[in-house]
Amino acid sequence: MKPVEIGIQGKATVEVTASNLASSTGSGAVDVFSTPNLVLLMEEAAMDALKPYMEPGESSVGTLVNIRHISATPPGFTVTATATLTQIDGRRLVFQVEAHDGVDKVGEGTHERFLVSVDRFISRAREKSTRRNTSSVE
C-alpha cells in the first residue's frame, strides 16, 4: 500500500429504491432504507478512501462494523456516506463513518478494515474449503 495518512476520506452514494428497502431485504417490514444497505454504503465509502493507495494485488476486508441507524429514509432520497480514516495500526485501519440523506443524519459509527494480499486471502479461503471437504460430519 502506498503511504496513507490519518484524515483521508471517501464517499459513496445510493438512491433509495425498492431494492434497498427494509421490506425488500428482509431486515424489516417497512419501506425505508435498510440497515444492511446502510452498512454496505459505509463500507463502500471506506473502500473509496483507500482506492488511490492500493497497489495491484491488494485489497481490504471489513472486520468490524459498529454503527447506529438513527433516521429513517424513504424511497426517492439519496443517501451519502462518508468515511474518515482515524486510526492506523499496521494493516488495521479504523474509519469514522456517517451517512446523511439531505435532510437528516441517517447513521454514524466506526468501521474497521484490514489490508490483505488478494492472492493470499483467496488461497486461505480455498484451504478452508478443502479442510471442510475432508473432515467428517457428525
C-alpha atoms as a PDB file:
ATOM      1  CA  MET A   1       0.000   0.000   0.000  1.00  0.00           C
ATOM      2  CA  LYS A   2       1.171   3.475  -0.790  1.00  0.00           C
ATOM      3  CA  PRO A   3       1.669   5.648   2.308  1.00  0.00           C
ATOM      4  CA  VAL A   4      -1.640   6.693   3.803  1.00  0.00           C
ATOM      5  CA  GLU A   5      -2.360   9.310   6.459  1.00  0.00           C
ATOM      6  CA  ILE A   6      -4.978   9.830   9.123  1.00  0.00           C
ATOM      7  CA  GLY A   7      -7.769  12.035   7.789  1.00  0.00           C
ATOM      8  CA  ILE A   8      -8.174  10.675   4.272  1.00  0.00           C
ATOM      9  CA  GLN A   9     -11.817  10.495   3.265  1.00  0.00           C
ATOM     10  CA  GLY A  10     -14.043   8.532   0.948  1.00  0.00           C
ATOM     11  CA  LYS A  11     -17.636   8.860  -0.131  1.00  0.00           C
ATOM     12  CA  ALA A  12     -20.384   6.662  -1.541  1.00  0.00           C
ATOM     13  CA  THR A  13     -23.950   7.453  -2.533  1.00  0.00           C
ATOM     14  CA  VAL A  14     -27.057   5.445  -3.333  1.00  0.00           C
ATOM     15  CA  GLU A  15     -30.619   6.292  -4.266  1.00  0.00           C
ATOM     16  CA  VAL A  16     -33.217   4.701  -2.022  1.00  0.00           C
ATOM     17  CA  THR A  17     -35.272   2.418  -4.274  1.00  0.00           C
ATOM     18  CA  ALA A  18     -37.444  -0.670  -3.850  1.00  0.00           C
ATOM     19  CA  SER A  19     -34.364  -2.919  -3.966  1.00  0.00           C
ATOM     20  CA  ASN A  20     -32.704  -1.469  -0.838  1.00  0.00           C
ATOM     21  CA  LEU A  21     -35.720  -1.047   1.415  1.00  0.00           C
ATOM     22  CA  ALA A  22     -36.003  -2.915   4.705  1.00  0.00           C
ATOM     23  CA  SER A  23     -39.174  -4.547   3.357  1.00  0.00           C
ATOM     24  CA  SER A  24     -37.236  -5.909   0.356  1.00  0.00           C
ATOM     25  CA  THR A  25     -34.067  -7.052   2.111  1.00  0.00           C
ATOM     26  CA  GLY A  26     -35.708  -8.962   4.950  1.00  0.00           C
ATOM     27  CA  SER A  27     -34.486  -6.614   7.655  1.00  0.00           C
ATOM     28  CA  GLY A  28     -37.915  -5.243   8.487  1.00  0.00           C
ATOM     29  CA  ALA A  29     -41.424  -4.730   7.190  1.00  0.00           C
ATOM     30  CA  VAL A  30     -41.261  -1.013   6.408  1.00  0.00           C
ATOM     31  CA  ASP A  31     -40.489   0.825   3.185  1.00  0.00           C
ATOM     32  CA  VAL A  32     -37.372   2.727   4.314  1.00  0.00           C
ATOM     33  CA  PHE A  33     -33.651   2.397   3.594  1.00  0.00           C
ATOM     34  CA  SER A  34     -32.445  -0.814   5.234  1.00  0.00           C
ATOM     35  CA  THR A  35     -29.741  -1.084   7.851  1.00  0.00           C
ATOM     36  CA  PRO A  36     -27.827  -3.760   5.860  1.00  0.00           C
ATOM     37  CA  ASN A  37     -27.675  -1.344   2.928  1.00  0.00           C
ATOM     38  CA  LEU A  38     -26.537   1.456   5.224  1.00  0.00           C
ATOM     39  CA  VAL A  39     -23.675  -0.752   6.416  1.00  0.00           C
ATOM     40  CA  LEU A  40     -22.781  -1.599   2.801  1.00  0.00           C
ATOM     41  CA  LEU A  41     -22.763   2.078   1.847  1.00  0.00           C
ATOM     42  CA  MET A  42     -20.444   2.912   4.737  1.00  0.00           C
ATOM     43  CA  GLU A  43     -18.088   0.096   3.716  1.00  0.00           C
ATOM     44  CA  GLU A  44     -18.107   1.415   0.154  1.00  0.00           C
ATOM     45  CA  ALA A  45     -17.143   4.873   1.448  1.00  0.00           C
ATOM     46  CA  ALA A  46     -14.182   3.383   3.324  1.00  0.00           C
ATOM     47  CA  MET A  47     -13.122   1.458   0.215  1.00  0.00           C
ATOM     48  CA  ASP A  48     -13.355   4.686  -1.776  1.00  0.00           C
ATOM     49  CA  ALA A  49     -10.986   6.375   0.687  1.00  0.00           C
ATOM     50  CA  LEU A  50      -8.424   3.589   0.229  1.00  0.00           C
ATOM     51  CA  LYS A  51      -8.703   3.131  -3.532  1.00  0.00           C
ATOM     52  CA  PRO A  52      -5.987   5.655  -4.511  1.00  0.00           C
ATOM     53  CA  TYR A  53      -3.499   3.993  -2.151  1.00  0.00           C
ATOM     54  CA  MET A  54      -3.940   0.350  -3.123  1.00  0.00           C
ATOM     55  CA  GLU A  55      -1.188  -1.419  -5.038  1.00  0.00           C
ATOM     56  CA  PRO A  56      -2.003  -4.146  -7.595  1.00  0.00           C
ATOM     57  CA  GLY A  57      -2.940  -7.358  -5.795  1.00  0.00           C
ATOM     58  CA  GLU A  58      -4.020  -5.576  -2.607  1.00  0.00           C
ATOM     59  CA  SER A  59      -7.444  -5.056  -1.150  1.00  0.00           C
ATOM     60  CA  SER A  60      -9.059  -4.600   2.220  1.00  0.00           C
ATOM     61  CA  VAL A  61     -11.689  -6.598   4.042  1.00  0.00           C
ATOM     62  CA  GLY A  62     -14.207  -5.397   6.578  1.00  0.00           C
ATOM     63  CA  THR A  63     -13.707  -6.866  10.037  1.00  0.00           C
ATOM     64  CA  LEU A  64     -15.834  -4.705  12.335  1.00  0.00           C
ATOM     65  CA  VAL A  65     -18.890  -2.501  11.939  1.00  0.00           C
ATOM     66  CA  ASN A  66     -20.316  -0.567  14.874  1.00  0.00           C
ATOM     67  CA  ILE A  67     -22.992   1.832  13.705  1.00  0.00           C
ATOM     68  CA  ARG A  68     -26.257   3.376  14.811  1.00  0.00           C
ATOM     69  CA  HIS A  69     -29.038   3.746  12.245  1.00  0.00           C
ATOM     70  CA  ILE A  70     -30.634   6.909  13.625  1.00  0.00           C
ATOM     71  CA  SER A  71     -33.083   8.164  10.994  1.00  0.00           C
ATOM     72  CA  ALA A  72     -35.439   6.511   8.526  1.00  0.00           C
ATOM     73  CA  THR A  73     -35.088   7.405   4.841  1.00  0.00           C
ATOM     74  CA  PRO A  74     -37.989   6.831   2.435  1.00  0.00           C
ATOM     75  CA  PRO A  75     -37.733   5.941  -1.277  1.00  0.00           C
ATOM     76  CA  GLY A  76     -36.643   8.711  -3.624  1.00  0.00           C
ATOM     77  CA  PHE A  77     -33.956  10.128  -1.335  1.00  0.00           C
ATOM     78  CA  THR A  78     -30.218   9.845  -1.953  1.00  0.00           C
ATOM     79  CA  VAL A  79     -28.089   8.678   0.956  1.00  0.00           C
ATOM     80  CA  THR A  80     -24.423   9.710   1.045  1.00  0.00           C
ATOM     81  CA  ALA A  81     -21.933   8.034   3.350  1.00  0.00           C
ATOM     82  CA  THR A  82     -18.520   9.424   4.262  1.00  0.00           C
ATOM     83  CA  ALA A  83     -15.631   7.580   5.848  1.00  0.00           C
ATOM     84  CA  THR A  84     -12.687   9.302   7.505  1.00  0.00           C
ATOM     85  CA  LEU A  85      -9.577   7.334   8.461  1.00  0.00           C
ATOM     86  CA  THR A  86      -8.971   7.887  12.177  1.00  0.00           C
ATOM     87  CA  GLN A  87      -6.511   5.156  13.152  1.00  0.00           C
ATOM     88  CA  ILE A  88      -3.759   3.073  11.540  1.00  0.00           C
ATOM     89  CA  ASP A  89      -2.353   0.042  13.352  1.00  0.00           C
ATOM     90  CA  GLY A  90      -0.213  -1.922  10.905  1.00  0.00           C
ATOM     91  CA  ARG A  91      -2.652  -3.487   8.433  1.00  0.00           C
ATOM     92  CA  ARG A  92      -5.665  -2.489  10.590  1.00  0.00           C
ATOM     93  CA  LEU A  93      -7.461   0.706   9.542  1.00  0.00           C
ATOM     94  CA  VAL A  94     -10.286   2.345  11.521  1.00  0.00           C
ATOM     95  CA  PHE A  95     -12.765   4.768   9.985  1.00  0.00           C
ATOM     96  CA  GLN A  96     -15.326   7.137  11.441  1.00  0.00           C
ATOM     97  CA  VAL A  97     -18.384   6.736   9.235  1.00  0.00           C
ATOM     98  CA  GLU A  98     -21.593   8.660   8.874  1.00  0.00           C
ATOM     99  CA  ALA A  99     -24.425   8.960   6.383  1.00  0.00           C
ATOM    100  CA  HIS A 100     -26.863  11.732   5.502  1.00  0.00           C
ATOM    101  CA  ASP A 101     -29.986  11.789   3.318  1.00  0.00           C
ATOM    102  CA  GLY A 102     -30.059  15.529   2.580  1.00  0.00           C
ATOM    103  CA  VAL A 103     -32.438  16.201   5.462  1.00  0.00           C
ATOM    104  CA  ASP A 104     -31.143  14.209   8.435  1.00  0.00           C
ATOM    105  CA  LYS A 105     -28.109  12.289   9.561  1.00  0.00           C
ATOM    106  CA  VAL A 106     -29.055   8.673   8.833  1.00  0.00           C
ATOM    107  CA  GLY A 107     -26.295   6.834  10.659  1.00  0.00           C
ATOM    108  CA  GLU A 108     -22.937   7.100  12.362  1.00  0.00           C
ATOM    109  CA  GLY A 109     -20.276   4.909  13.892  1.00  0.00           C
ATOM    110  CA  THR A 110     -16.976   3.185  13.236  1.00  0.00           C
ATOM    111  CA  HIS A 111     -15.795   0.687  10.653  1.00  0.00           C
ATOM    112  CA  GLU A 112     -12.601  -1.365  10.709  1.00  0.00           C
ATOM    113  CA  ARG A 113     -10.835  -2.845   7.688  1.00  0.00           C
ATOM    114  CA  PHE A 114      -7.696  -4.952   7.277  1.00  0.00           C
ATOM    115  CA  LEU A 115      -5.310  -4.723   4.334  1.00  0.00           C
ATOM    116  CA  VAL A 116      -4.842  -8.060   2.580  1.00  0.00           C
ATOM    117  CA  SER A 117      -2.977  -9.626  -0.287  1.00  0.00           C
ATOM    118  CA  VAL A 118      -5.805 -10.817  -2.558  1.00  0.00           C
ATOM    119  CA  ASP A 119      -3.946 -13.979  -3.656  1.00  0.00           C
ATOM    120  CA  ARG A 120      -3.029 -14.970  -0.099  1.00  0.00           C
ATOM    121  CA  PHE A 121      -6.536 -14.214   1.176  1.00  0.00           C
ATOM    122  CA  ILE A 122      -8.216 -16.302  -1.547  1.00  0.00           C
ATOM    123  CA  SER A 123      -5.701 -19.111  -1.011  1.00  0.00           C
ATOM    124  CA  ARG A 124      -6.594 -19.306   2.684  1.00  0.00           C
ATOM    125  CA  ALA A 125     -10.308 -19.330   1.889  1.00  0.00           C
ATOM    126  CA  ARG A 126      -9.797 -22.201  -0.576  1.00  0.00           C
ATOM    127  CA  GLU A 127      -7.743 -24.068   2.010  1.00  0.00           C
ATOM    128  CA  LYS A 128     -10.675 -23.796   4.394  1.00  0.00           C
ATOM    129  CA  SER A 129     -12.948 -25.378   1.758  1.00  0.00           C
ATOM    130  CA  THR A 130     -10.500 -28.247   1.437  1.00  0.00           C
ATOM    131  CA  ARG A 131     -10.460 -28.782   5.199  1.00  0.00           C
ATOM    132  CA  ARG A 132     -14.272 -28.827   5.278  1.00  0.00           C
ATOM    133  CA  ASN A 133     -14.444 -31.361   2.455  1.00  0.00           C
ATOM    134  CA  THR A 134     -12.010 -33.724   4.191  1.00  0.00           C
ATOM    135  CA  SER A 135     -13.389 -33.529   7.744  1.00  0.00           C
ATOM    136  CA  SER A 136     -16.056 -35.914   8.958  1.00  0.00           C
ATOM    137  CA  VAL A 137     -19.509 -34.508   9.583  1.00  0.00           C
ATOM    138  CA  GLU A 138     -21.323 -35.782  12.678  1.00  0.00           C
END
